[in-house]
Structure formats: C-alpha cells, structure tokens
Amino acid sequence: RPWTSNDDRRAGLTAWLDHYNLDRHHLGIRGKTPIDRINNGRGQYT
C-alpha cells in the first residue's frame, strides 16, 4: 500500500505488527502465533 505520509505509515505499522505477531497463525510454527511461540511472550509484548 502506498502511504501518503510517514505518520500514516507509522500508524499502519503498529496495527500490522500487532496482527502479524499476536493474531496471525503461521504454518511454519505449527499454527501458533509468533507471540505464543516464545516463552512468556504475551505478558511482555508492548
């Protein structure tokens, strides 16, 4: 997606990182989310 400004890009990146690391299940790690793949990740992710 083309961004119109760095502020828009920055705002979109935060939402994308949350989706990628917290919600999206990855086949390469047996259907887990990246945050669930590491030890104690959900409590430490900010």
Protein backbone atom coordinates (compact mmCIF):
# COMPACT_ATOMS: atom_id res chain seq x y z
CA ARG A 1 0.00 0.00 0.00
CA PRO A 2 1.39 3.44 -0.82
CA TRP A 3 1.42 5.79 2.18
CA THR A 4 0.71 9.50 1.93
CA SER A 5 2.93 10.44 4.88
CA ASN A 6 5.32 8.98 7.44
CA ASP A 7 2.70 9.47 10.16
CA ASP A 8 0.21 7.34 8.21
CA ARG A 9 2.88 4.71 7.62
CA ARG A 10 3.84 4.67 11.30
CA ALA A 11 0.22 4.25 12.38
CA GLY A 12 -0.28 1.42 9.90
CA LEU A 13 2.88 -0.34 11.00
CA THR A 14 1.71 -0.60 14.60
CA ALA A 15 -1.56 -2.26 13.56
CA TRP A 16 0.25 -4.59 11.13
CA LEU A 17 2.81 -5.68 13.75
CA ASP A 18 0.06 -6.43 16.26
CA HIS A 19 -1.78 -8.52 13.68
CA TYR A 20 1.35 -10.34 12.49
CA ASN A 21 2.72 -11.14 15.95
CA LEU A 22 -0.44 -11.55 18.04
CA ASP A 23 -3.26 -12.73 15.77
CA ARG A 24 -1.93 -14.36 12.60
CA HIS A 25 -1.30 -18.11 12.82
CA HIS A 26 1.85 -19.24 10.99
CA LEU A 27 2.09 -22.66 9.36
CA GLY A 28 5.87 -22.74 9.80
CA ILE A 29 5.49 -22.82 13.59
CA ARG A 30 2.66 -25.36 13.67
CA GLY A 31 -0.21 -22.91 13.54
CA LYS A 32 0.91 -20.84 16.51
CA THR A 33 1.18 -17.09 16.56
CA PRO A 34 4.75 -15.76 16.91
CA ILE A 35 4.00 -14.35 20.35
CA ASP A 36 2.76 -17.75 21.55
CA ARG A 37 5.88 -19.44 20.19
CA ILE A 38 8.17 -17.69 22.69
CA ASN A 39 8.18 -18.19 26.46
CA ASN A 40 6.05 -15.71 28.42
CA GLY A 41 5.58 -13.50 25.37
CA ARG A 42 2.05 -12.23 25.83
CA GLY A 43 2.83 -10.62 29.17
CA GLN A 44 5.96 -8.90 27.90
CA TYR A 45 4.88 -7.59 24.47
CA THR A 46 4.27 -3.83 24.28
